[in-house]
């Protein structure tokens, strides 16, 4: 897998930064890209994955970050048989908007 990422925002306490990126598989025909958000401690460089798209027969992308410190964001999900829909991610659960 190859990884592409960009700076997203600074944490509320200023101790970490959030990076948003995409994981691309070696065989994109079989495994679609996966969006992710990592939290990285500025002093230590330690990373923690706070979100990774499911992409299990559906494509999921990050629409907007509401509060990354609290893990709240909006994602868009779609598939060949499902029209694009937006979901609020909060506390590990998805709620359709």
PDB file of N, CA and C in Angstrom:
ATOM      1  N   UNK A   1       0.837  -1.188   0.000  1.00  0.00           N
ATOM      2  CA  UNK A   1       0.000   0.000   0.000  1.00  0.00           C
ATOM      3  C   UNK A   1       0.876   1.243   0.000  1.00  0.00           C
ATOM      4  N   UNK A   2       0.453   2.217  -0.765  1.00  0.00           N
ATOM      5  CA  UNK A   2       1.120   3.512  -0.730  1.00  0.00           C
ATOM      6  C   UNK A   2       0.238   4.476   0.045  1.00  0.00           C
ATOM      7  N   UNK A   3       0.890   5.466   0.639  1.00  0.00           N
ATOM      8  CA  UNK A   3       0.173   6.401   1.505  1.00  0.00           C
ATOM      9  C   UNK A   3       0.418   7.824   1.020  1.00  0.00           C
ATOM     10  N   UNK A   4      -0.642   8.606   0.967  1.00  0.00           N
ATOM     11  CA  UNK A   4      -0.553  10.023   0.623  1.00  0.00           C
ATOM     12  C   UNK A   4      -1.289  10.774   1.719  1.00  0.00           C
ATOM     13  N   UNK A   5      -0.685  11.827   2.309  1.00  0.00           N
ATOM     14  CA  UNK A   5      -1.352  12.549   3.386  1.00  0.00           C
ATOM     15  C   UNK A   5      -1.030  14.028   3.352  1.00  0.00           C
ATOM     16  N   UNK A   6      -1.843  14.791   4.083  1.00  0.00           N
ATOM     17  CA  UNK A   6      -1.655  16.239   4.196  1.00  0.00           C
ATOM     18  C   UNK A   6      -2.072  16.701   5.585  1.00  0.00           C
ATOM     19  N   UNK A   7      -1.484  17.801   6.021  1.00  0.00           N
ATOM     20  CA  UNK A   7      -1.820  18.390   7.316  1.00  0.00           C
ATOM     21  C   UNK A   7      -3.274  18.832   7.296  1.00  0.00           C
ATOM     22  N   UNK A   8      -4.005  18.532   8.363  1.00  0.00           N
ATOM     23  CA  UNK A   8      -5.421  18.901   8.453  1.00  0.00           C
ATOM     24  C   UNK A   8      -5.637  20.019   9.474  1.00  0.00           C
ATOM     25  N   UNK A   9      -5.191  19.808  10.732  1.00  0.00           N
ATOM     26  CA  UNK A   9      -5.356  20.847  11.753  1.00  0.00           C
ATOM     27  C   UNK A   9      -4.560  20.512  13.010  1.00  0.00           C
ATOM     28  N   UNK A  10      -4.414  21.504  13.865  1.00  0.00           N
ATOM     29  CA  UNK A  10      -3.736  21.382  15.147  1.00  0.00           C
ATOM     30  C   UNK A  10      -4.755  20.984  16.207  1.00  0.00           C
ATOM     31  N   UNK A  11      -4.356  20.155  17.168  1.00  0.00           N
ATOM     32  CA  UNK A  11      -5.271  19.772  18.251  1.00  0.00           C
ATOM     33  C   UNK A  11      -5.571  20.992  19.121  1.00  0.00           C
ATOM     34  N   UNK A  12      -6.656  20.923  19.875  1.00  0.00           N
ATOM     35  CA  UNK A  12      -7.079  22.051  20.717  1.00  0.00           C
ATOM     36  C   UNK A  12      -6.015  22.431  21.735  1.00  0.00           C
ATOM     37  N   UNK A  13      -5.291  21.446  22.280  1.00  0.00           N
ATOM     38  CA  UNK A  13      -4.265  21.752  23.284  1.00  0.00           C
ATOM     39  C   UNK A  13      -2.896  22.059  22.669  1.00  0.00           C
ATOM     40  N   UNK A  14      -2.786  21.981  21.348  1.00  0.00           N
ATOM     41  CA  UNK A  14      -1.543  22.322  20.658  1.00  0.00           C
ATOM     42  C   UNK A  14      -0.456  21.275  20.756  1.00  0.00           C
ATOM     43  N   UNK A  15      -0.753  20.097  21.314  1.00  0.00           N
ATOM     44  CA  UNK A  15       0.277  19.070  21.482  1.00  0.00           C
ATOM     45  C   UNK A  15       0.351  18.092  20.317  1.00  0.00           C
ATOM     46  N   UNK A  16      -0.653  18.106  19.457  1.00  0.00           N
ATOM     47  CA  UNK A  16      -0.711  17.151  18.339  1.00  0.00           C
ATOM     48  C   UNK A  16      -1.195  17.826  17.073  1.00  0.00           C
ATOM     49  N   UNK A  17      -0.924  17.173  15.944  1.00  0.00           N
ATOM     50  CA  UNK A  17      -1.469  17.593  14.660  1.00  0.00           C
ATOM     51  C   UNK A  17      -2.249  16.425  14.075  1.00  0.00           C
ATOM     52  N   UNK A  18      -3.236  16.753  13.264  1.00  0.00           N
ATOM     53  CA  UNK A  18      -4.030  15.740  12.583  1.00  0.00           C
ATOM     54  C   UNK A  18      -3.655  15.747  11.110  1.00  0.00           C
ATOM     55  N   UNK A  19      -3.440  14.559  10.561  1.00  0.00           N
ATOM     56  CA  UNK A  19      -3.142  14.391   9.149  1.00  0.00           C
ATOM     57  C   UNK A  19      -4.240  13.574   8.504  1.00  0.00           C
ATOM     58  N   UNK A  20      -4.666  14.012   7.334  1.00  0.00           N
ATOM     59  CA  UNK A  20      -5.667  13.287   6.558  1.00  0.00           C
ATOM     60  C   UNK A  20      -4.956  12.722   5.342  1.00  0.00           C
ATOM     61  N   UNK A  21      -5.289  11.493   4.974  1.00  0.00           N
ATOM     62  CA  UNK A  21      -4.638  10.905   3.827  1.00  0.00           C
ATOM     63  C   UNK A  21      -5.436   9.799   3.187  1.00  0.00           C
ATOM     64  N   UNK A  22      -4.794   9.153   2.231  1.00  0.00           N
ATOM     65  CA  UNK A  22      -5.403   8.067   1.477  1.00  0.00           C
ATOM     66  C   UNK A  22      -4.409   6.925   1.360  1.00  0.00           C
ATOM     67  N   UNK A  23      -4.887   5.718   1.611  1.00  0.00           N
ATOM     68  CA  UNK A  23      -4.093   4.507   1.406  1.00  0.00           C
ATOM     69  C   UNK A  23      -4.506   3.902   0.069  1.00  0.00           C
ATOM     70  N   UNK A  24      -3.533   3.675  -0.797  1.00  0.00           N
ATOM     71  CA  UNK A  24      -3.807   3.077  -2.098  1.00  0.00           C
ATOM     72  C   UNK A  24      -3.184   1.697  -2.156  1.00  0.00           C
ATOM     73  N   UNK A  25      -3.975   0.698  -2.497  1.00  0.00           N
ATOM     74  CA  UNK A  25      -3.507  -0.674  -2.593  1.00  0.00           C
ATOM     75  C   UNK A  25      -2.701  -0.874  -3.870  1.00  0.00           C
ATOM     76  N   UNK A  26      -1.856  -1.922  -3.874  1.00  0.00           N
ATOM     77  CA  UNK A  26      -1.079  -2.255  -5.067  1.00  0.00           C
ATOM     78  C   UNK A  26      -1.978  -2.646  -6.227  1.00  0.00           C
ATOM     79  N   UNK A  27      -3.165  -3.176  -5.911  1.00  0.00           N
ATOM     80  CA  UNK A  27      -4.119  -3.584  -6.932  1.00  0.00           C
ATOM     81  C   UNK A  27      -5.423  -2.800  -6.765  1.00  0.00           C
ATOM     82  N   UNK A  28      -5.476  -1.567  -7.289  1.00  0.00           N
ATOM     83  CA  UNK A  28      -6.646  -0.715  -7.072  1.00  0.00           C
ATOM     84  C   UNK A  28      -7.923  -1.242  -7.724  1.00  0.00           C
ATOM     85  N   UNK A  29      -7.798  -2.169  -8.660  1.00  0.00           N
ATOM     86  CA  UNK A  29      -8.993  -2.756  -9.267  1.00  0.00           C
ATOM     87  C   UNK A  29      -9.746  -3.634  -8.271  1.00  0.00           C
ATOM     88  N   UNK A  30      -9.022  -4.242  -7.339  1.00  0.00           N
ATOM     89  CA  UNK A  30      -9.629  -5.135  -6.352  1.00  0.00           C
ATOM     90  C   UNK A  30      -9.895  -4.436  -5.014  1.00  0.00           C
ATOM     91  N   UNK A  31      -8.993  -3.546  -4.616  1.00  0.00           N
ATOM     92  CA  UNK A  31      -9.115  -2.862  -3.323  1.00  0.00           C
ATOM     93  C   UNK A  31      -9.071  -1.359  -3.567  1.00  0.00           C
ATOM     94  N   UNK A  32     -10.187  -0.695  -3.272  1.00  0.00           N
ATOM     95  CA  UNK A  32     -10.274   0.747  -3.490  1.00  0.00           C
ATOM     96  C   UNK A  32      -9.472   1.532  -2.469  1.00  0.00           C
ATOM     97  N   UNK A  33      -9.279   2.824  -2.711  1.00  0.00           N
ATOM     98  CA  UNK A  33      -8.542   3.666  -1.768  1.00  0.00           C
ATOM     99  C   UNK A  33      -9.282   3.792  -0.444  1.00  0.00           C
ATOM    100  N   UNK A  34      -8.511   3.928   0.637  1.00  0.00           N
ATOM    101  CA  UNK A  34      -9.076   4.087   1.976  1.00  0.00           C
ATOM    102  C   UNK A  34      -8.629   5.426   2.548  1.00  0.00           C
ATOM    103  N   UNK A  35      -9.602   6.229   2.958  1.00  0.00           N
ATOM    104  CA  UNK A  35      -9.289   7.499   3.603  1.00  0.00           C
ATOM    105  C   UNK A  35      -8.968   7.245   5.075  1.00  0.00           C
ATOM    106  N   UNK A  36      -8.083   8.073   5.644  1.00  0.00           N
ATOM    107  CA  UNK A  36      -7.750   7.930   7.064  1.00  0.00           C
ATOM    108  C   UNK A  36      -7.412   9.286   7.659  1.00  0.00           C
ATOM    109  N   UNK A  37      -7.472   9.339   9.007  1.00  0.00           N
ATOM    110  CA  UNK A  37      -6.991  10.506   9.763  1.00  0.00           C
ATOM    111  C   UNK A  37      -6.137   9.982  10.901  1.00  0.00           C
ATOM    112  N   UNK A  38      -4.911  10.507  11.007  1.00  0.00           N
ATOM    113  CA  UNK A  38      -3.987  10.161  12.088  1.00  0.00           C
ATOM    114  C   UNK A  38      -3.790  11.365  12.994  1.00  0.00           C
ATOM    115  N   UNK A  39      -3.616  11.091  14.281  1.00  0.00           N
ATOM    116  CA  UNK A  39      -3.221  12.113  15.252  1.00  0.00           C
ATOM    117  C   UNK A  39      -1.757  11.841  15.585  1.00  0.00           C
ATOM    118  N   UNK A  40      -0.896  12.858  15.445  1.00  0.00           N
ATOM    119  CA  UNK A  40       0.526  12.688  15.724  1.00  0.00           C
ATOM    120  C   UNK A  40       0.967  13.678  16.795  1.00  0.00           C
ATOM    121  N   UNK A  41       1.581  13.135  17.855  1.00  0.00           N
ATOM    122  CA  UNK A  41       2.122  13.975  18.932  1.00  0.00           C
ATOM    123  C   UNK A  41       3.321  14.743  18.385  1.00  0.00           C
ATOM    124  N   UNK A  42       3.341  16.048  18.573  1.00  0.00           N
ATOM    125  CA  UNK A  42       4.401  16.891  18.028  1.00  0.00           C
ATOM    126  C   UNK A  42       5.755  16.561  18.657  1.00  0.00           C
ATOM    127  N   UNK A  43       5.812  16.377  19.971  1.00  0.00           N
ATOM    128  CA  UNK A  43       7.091  16.132  20.663  1.00  0.00           C
ATOM    129  C   UNK A  43       7.689  14.766  20.373  1.00  0.00           C
ATOM    130  N   UNK A  44       6.852  13.727  20.285  1.00  0.00           N
ATOM    131  CA  UNK A  44       7.373  12.365  20.163  1.00  0.00           C
ATOM    132  C   UNK A  44       7.237  11.770  18.766  1.00  0.00           C
ATOM    133  N   UNK A  45       6.352  12.312  17.972  1.00  0.00           N
ATOM    134  CA  UNK A  45       6.099  11.748  16.652  1.00  0.00           C
ATOM    135  C   UNK A  45       5.207  10.510  16.687  1.00  0.00           C
ATOM    136  N   UNK A  46       4.718  10.160  17.874  1.00  0.00           N
ATOM    137  CA  UNK A  46       3.852   8.989  18.007  1.00  0.00           C
ATOM    138  C   UNK A  46       2.530   9.229  17.278  1.00  0.00           C
ATOM    139  N   UNK A  47       2.113   8.229  16.473  1.00  0.00           N
ATOM    140  CA  UNK A  47       0.881   8.353  15.691  1.00  0.00           C
ATOM    141  C   UNK A  47      -0.204   7.426  16.222  1.00  0.00           C
ATOM    142  N   UNK A  48      -1.440   7.910  16.097  1.00  0.00           N
ATOM    143  CA  UNK A  48      -2.591   7.087  16.449  1.00  0.00           C
ATOM    144  C   UNK A  48      -3.631   7.276  15.351  1.00  0.00           C
ATOM    145  N   UNK A  49      -4.105   6.189  14.789  1.00  0.00           N
ATOM    146  CA  UNK A  49      -5.144   6.251  13.758  1.00  0.00           C
ATOM    147  C   UNK A  49      -6.483   6.496  14.443  1.00  0.00           C
ATOM    148  N   UNK A  50      -7.126   7.631  14.135  1.00  0.00           N
ATOM    149  CA  UNK A  50      -8.413   7.912  14.759  1.00  0.00           C
ATOM    150  C   UNK A  50      -9.576   7.585  13.825  1.00  0.00           C
ATOM    151  N   UNK A  51      -9.276   7.410  12.539  1.00  0.00           N
ATOM    152  CA  UNK A  51     -10.320   7.038  11.586  1.00  0.00           C
ATOM    153  C   UNK A  51      -9.682   6.378  10.373  1.00  0.00           C
ATOM    154  N   UNK A  52     -10.323   5.313   9.893  1.00  0.00           N
ATOM    155  CA  UNK A  52      -9.962   4.696   8.613  1.00  0.00           C
ATOM    156  C   UNK A  52     -11.253   4.210   7.978  1.00  0.00           C
ATOM    157  N   UNK A  53     -11.472   4.564   6.720  1.00  0.00           N
ATOM    158  CA  UNK A  53     -12.712   4.194   6.044  1.00  0.00           C
ATOM    159  C   UNK A  53     -12.835   2.683   5.926  1.00  0.00           C
ATOM    160  N   UNK A  54     -14.072   2.222   5.914  1.00  0.00           N
ATOM    161  CA  UNK A  54     -14.336   0.790   5.844  1.00  0.00           C
ATOM    162  C   UNK A  54     -14.073   0.246   4.448  1.00  0.00           C
ATOM    163  N   UNK A  55     -14.667   0.859   3.446  1.00  0.00           N
ATOM    164  CA  UNK A  55     -14.515   0.448   2.050  1.00  0.00           C
ATOM    165  C   UNK A  55     -14.751  -1.030   1.820  1.00  0.00           C
ATOM    166  N   UNK A  56     -15.680  -1.602   2.572  1.00  0.00           N
ATOM    167  CA  UNK A  56     -16.063  -2.993   2.377  1.00  0.00           C
ATOM    168  C   UNK A  56     -17.265  -3.004   1.433  1.00  0.00           C
ATOM    169  N   UNK A  57     -16.991  -3.099   0.138  1.00  0.00           N
ATOM    170  CA  UNK A  57     -17.991  -3.045  -0.930  1.00  0.00           C
ATOM    171  C   UNK A  57     -18.691  -1.698  -1.026  1.00  0.00           C
ATOM    172  N   UNK A  58     -18.122  -0.675  -0.404  1.00  0.00           N
ATOM    173  CA  UNK A  58     -18.641   0.697  -0.485  1.00  0.00           C
ATOM    174  C   UNK A  58     -17.436   1.631  -0.418  1.00  0.00           C
ATOM    175  N   UNK A  59     -17.534   2.757  -1.109  1.00  0.00           N
ATOM    176  CA  UNK A  59     -16.477   3.754  -1.067  1.00  0.00           C
ATOM    177  C   UNK A  59     -16.865   4.797  -0.037  1.00  0.00           C
ATOM    178  N   UNK A  60     -15.961   5.101   0.879  1.00  0.00           N
ATOM    179  CA  UNK A  60     -16.220   6.070   1.939  1.00  0.00           C
ATOM    180  C   UNK A  60     -15.114   7.115   1.913  1.00  0.00           C
ATOM    181  N   UNK A  61     -15.506   8.387   1.935  1.00  0.00           N
ATOM    182  CA  UNK A  61     -14.529   9.477   1.944  1.00  0.00           C
ATOM    183  C   UNK A  61     -14.899  10.493   3.020  1.00  0.00           C
ATOM    184  N   UNK A  62     -13.919  11.272   3.450  1.00  0.00           N
ATOM    185  CA  UNK A  62     -14.124  12.280   4.489  1.00  0.00           C
ATOM    186  C   UNK A  62     -14.703  13.531   3.838  1.00  0.00           C
ATOM    187  N   UNK A  63     -15.883  13.948   4.294  1.00  0.00           N
ATOM    188  CA  UNK A  63     -16.517  15.156   3.766  1.00  0.00           C
ATOM    189  C   UNK A  63     -16.039  16.385   4.535  1.00  0.00           C
ATOM    190  N   UNK A  64     -16.065  16.305   5.875  1.00  0.00           N
ATOM    191  CA  UNK A  64     -15.606  17.423   6.696  1.00  0.00           C
ATOM    192  C   UNK A  64     -15.285  16.951   8.110  1.00  0.00           C
ATOM    193  N   UNK A  65     -14.352  17.630   8.720  1.00  0.00           N
ATOM    194  CA  UNK A  65     -14.002  17.357  10.117  1.00  0.00           C
ATOM    195  C   UNK A  65     -14.724  18.382  10.981  1.00  0.00           C
ATOM    196  N   UNK A  66     -15.502  17.907  11.930  1.00  0.00           N
ATOM    197  CA  UNK A  66     -16.235  18.805  12.833  1.00  0.00           C
ATOM    198  C   UNK A  66     -15.380  19.100  14.058  1.00  0.00           C
ATOM    199  N   UNK A  67     -14.958  18.047  14.758  1.00  0.00           N
ATOM    200  CA  UNK A  67     -14.127  18.170  15.952  1.00  0.00           C
ATOM    201  C   UNK A  67     -13.247  16.931  16.028  1.00  0.00           C
ATOM    202  N   UNK A  68     -12.045  17.022  15.499  1.00  0.00           N
ATOM    203  CA  UNK A  68     -11.172  15.855  15.452  1.00  0.00           C
ATOM    204  C   UNK A  68     -10.696  15.433  16.834  1.00  0.00           C
ATOM    205  N   UNK A  69     -10.579  16.376  17.775  1.00  0.00           N
ATOM    206  CA  UNK A  69     -10.210  16.013  19.147  1.00  0.00           C
ATOM    207  C   UNK A  69     -11.239  15.053  19.742  1.00  0.00           C
ATOM    208  N   UNK A  70     -12.506  15.253  19.399  1.00  0.00           N
ATOM    209  CA  UNK A  70     -13.589  14.403  19.907  1.00  0.00           C
ATOM    210  C   UNK A  70     -13.927  13.264  18.945  1.00  0.00           C
ATOM    211  N   UNK A  71     -13.246  13.205  17.801  1.00  0.00           N
ATOM    212  CA  UNK A  71     -13.516  12.145  16.835  1.00  0.00           C
ATOM    213  C   UNK A  71     -14.830  12.324  16.085  1.00  0.00           C
ATOM    214  N   UNK A  72     -15.251  13.568  15.881  1.00  0.00           N
ATOM    215  CA  UNK A  72     -16.504  13.847  15.161  1.00  0.00           C
ATOM    216  C   UNK A  72     -16.195  14.340  13.759  1.00  0.00           C
ATOM    217  N   UNK A  73     -16.721  13.619  12.752  1.00  0.00           N
ATOM    218  CA  UNK A  73     -16.553  14.026  11.373  1.00  0.00           C
ATOM    219  C   UNK A  73     -17.712  13.528  10.531  1.00  0.00           C
ATOM    220  N   UNK A  74     -17.823  14.073   9.338  1.00  0.00           N
ATOM    221  CA  UNK A  74     -18.857  13.660   8.403  1.00  0.00           C
ATOM    222  C   UNK A  74     -18.180  12.949   7.247  1.00  0.00           C
ATOM    223  N   UNK A  75     -18.711  11.766   6.900  1.00  0.00           N
ATOM    224  CA  UNK A  75     -18.188  10.999   5.773  1.00  0.00           C
ATOM    225  C   UNK A  75     -19.290  10.811   4.739  1.00  0.00           C
ATOM    226  N   UNK A  76     -18.856  10.587   3.521  1.00  0.00           N
ATOM    227  CA  UNK A  76     -19.781  10.282   2.429  1.00  0.00           C
ATOM    228  C   UNK A  76     -19.552   8.840   2.019  1.00  0.00           C
ATOM    229  N   UNK A  77     -20.644   8.074   1.900  1.00  0.00           N
ATOM    230  CA  UNK A  77     -20.570   6.666   1.506  1.00  0.00           C
ATOM    231  C   UNK A  77     -21.390   6.448   0.237  1.00  0.00           C
ATOM    232  N   UNK A  78     -20.849   5.610  -0.665  1.00  0.00           N
ATOM    233  CA  UNK A  78     -21.575   5.255  -1.873  1.00  0.00           C
ATOM    234  C   UNK A  78     -21.057   3.935  -2.405  1.00  0.00           C
ATOM    235  N   UNK A  79     -21.862   3.294  -3.241  1.00  0.00           N
ATOM    236  CA  UNK A  79     -21.476   2.033  -3.874  1.00  0.00           C
ATOM    237  C   UNK A  79     -22.155   1.976  -5.235  1.00  0.00           C
ATOM    238  N   UNK A  80     -21.885   0.948  -6.008  1.00  0.00           N
ATOM    239  CA  UNK A  80     -22.556   0.837  -7.307  1.00  0.00           C
ATOM    240  C   UNK A  80     -24.082   0.756  -7.187  1.00  0.00           C
ATOM    241  N   UNK A  81     -24.584   0.313  -6.035  1.00  0.00           N
ATOM    242  CA  UNK A  81     -26.033   0.178  -5.848  1.00  0.00           C
ATOM    243  C   UNK A  81     -26.604   1.163  -4.824  1.00  0.00           C
ATOM    244  N   UNK A  82     -25.762   2.000  -4.228  1.00  0.00           N
ATOM    245  CA  UNK A  82     -26.195   2.944  -3.192  1.00  0.00           C
ATOM    246  C   UNK A  82     -25.807   4.355  -3.600  1.00  0.00           C
ATOM    247  N   UNK A  83     -26.781   5.268  -3.624  1.00  0.00           N
ATOM    248  CA  UNK A  83     -26.484   6.661  -3.956  1.00  0.00           C
ATOM    249  C   UNK A  83     -25.651   7.272  -2.830  1.00  0.00           C
ATOM    250  N   UNK A  84     -24.882   8.329  -3.109  1.00  0.00           N
ATOM    251  CA  UNK A  84     -24.079   8.953  -2.048  1.00  0.00           C
ATOM    252  C   UNK A  84     -24.943   9.432  -0.888  1.00  0.00           C
ATOM    253  N   UNK A  85     -24.506   9.102   0.317  1.00  0.00           N
ATOM    254  CA  UNK A  85     -25.185   9.505   1.551  1.00  0.00           C
ATOM    255  C   UNK A  85     -24.140  10.024   2.528  1.00  0.00           C
ATOM    256  N   UNK A  86     -24.525  10.973   3.373  1.00  0.00           N
ATOM    257  CA  UNK A  86     -23.627  11.523   4.375  1.00  0.00           C
ATOM    258  C   UNK A  86     -23.958  10.939   5.744  1.00  0.00           C
ATOM    259  N   UNK A  87     -22.898  10.679   6.524  1.00  0.00           N
ATOM    260  CA  UNK A  87     -23.034  10.106   7.861  1.00  0.00           C
ATOM    261  C   UNK A  87     -22.195  10.890   8.851  1.00  0.00           C
ATOM    262  N   UNK A  88     -22.734  11.091  10.046  1.00  0.00           N
ATOM    263  CA  UNK A  88     -21.985  11.685  11.146  1.00  0.00           C
ATOM    264  C   UNK A  88     -21.308  10.550  11.890  1.00  0.00           C
ATOM    265  N   UNK A  89     -19.995  10.626  12.026  1.00  0.00           N
ATOM    266  CA  UNK A  89     -19.225   9.658  12.819  1.00  0.00           C
ATOM    267  C   UNK A  89     -18.949  10.285  14.158  1.00  0.00           C
ATOM    268  N   UNK A  90     -19.354   9.597  15.199  1.00  0.00           N
ATOM    269  CA  UNK A  90     -19.160  10.113  16.552  1.00  0.00           C
ATOM    270  C   UNK A  90     -19.112   8.932  17.514  1.00  0.00           C
ATOM    271  N   UNK A  91     -18.033   8.835  18.274  1.00  0.00           N
ATOM    272  CA  UNK A  91     -17.916   7.758  19.250  1.00  0.00           C
ATOM    273  C   UNK A  91     -17.937   6.369  18.638  1.00  0.00           C
ATOM    274  N   UNK A  92     -17.432   6.246  17.408  1.00  0.00           N
ATOM    275  CA  UNK A  92     -17.384   4.947  16.760  1.00  0.00           C
ATOM    276  C   UNK A  92     -18.668   4.532  16.064  1.00  0.00           C
ATOM    277  N   UNK A  93     -19.707   5.347  16.118  1.00  0.00           N
ATOM    278  CA  UNK A  93     -20.960   4.979  15.450  1.00  0.00           C
ATOM    279  C   UNK A  93     -21.236   5.937  14.292  1.00  0.00           C
ATOM    280  N   UNK A  94     -22.015   5.444  13.321  1.00  0.00           N
ATOM    281  CA  UNK A  94     -22.410   6.233  12.156  1.00  0.00           C
ATOM    282  C   UNK A  94     -23.904   6.513  12.223  1.00  0.00           C
ATOM    283  N   UNK A  95     -24.257   7.771  11.971  1.00  0.00           N
ATOM    284  CA  UNK A  95     -25.660   8.155  11.935  1.00  0.00           C
ATOM    285  C   UNK A  95     -25.908   8.863  10.609  1.00  0.00           C
ATOM    286  N   UNK A  96     -26.836   8.322   9.811  1.00  0.00           N
ATOM    287  CA  UNK A  96     -27.133   8.930   8.517  1.00  0.00           C
ATOM    288  C   UNK A  96     -27.740  10.314   8.705  1.00  0.00           C
ATOM    289  N   UNK A  97     -27.266  11.256   7.919  1.00  0.00           N
ATOM    290  CA  UNK A  97     -27.774  12.642   7.993  1.00  0.00           C
ATOM    291  C   UNK A  97     -28.866  12.869   6.955  1.00  0.00           C
TER     292      UNK A  97
END
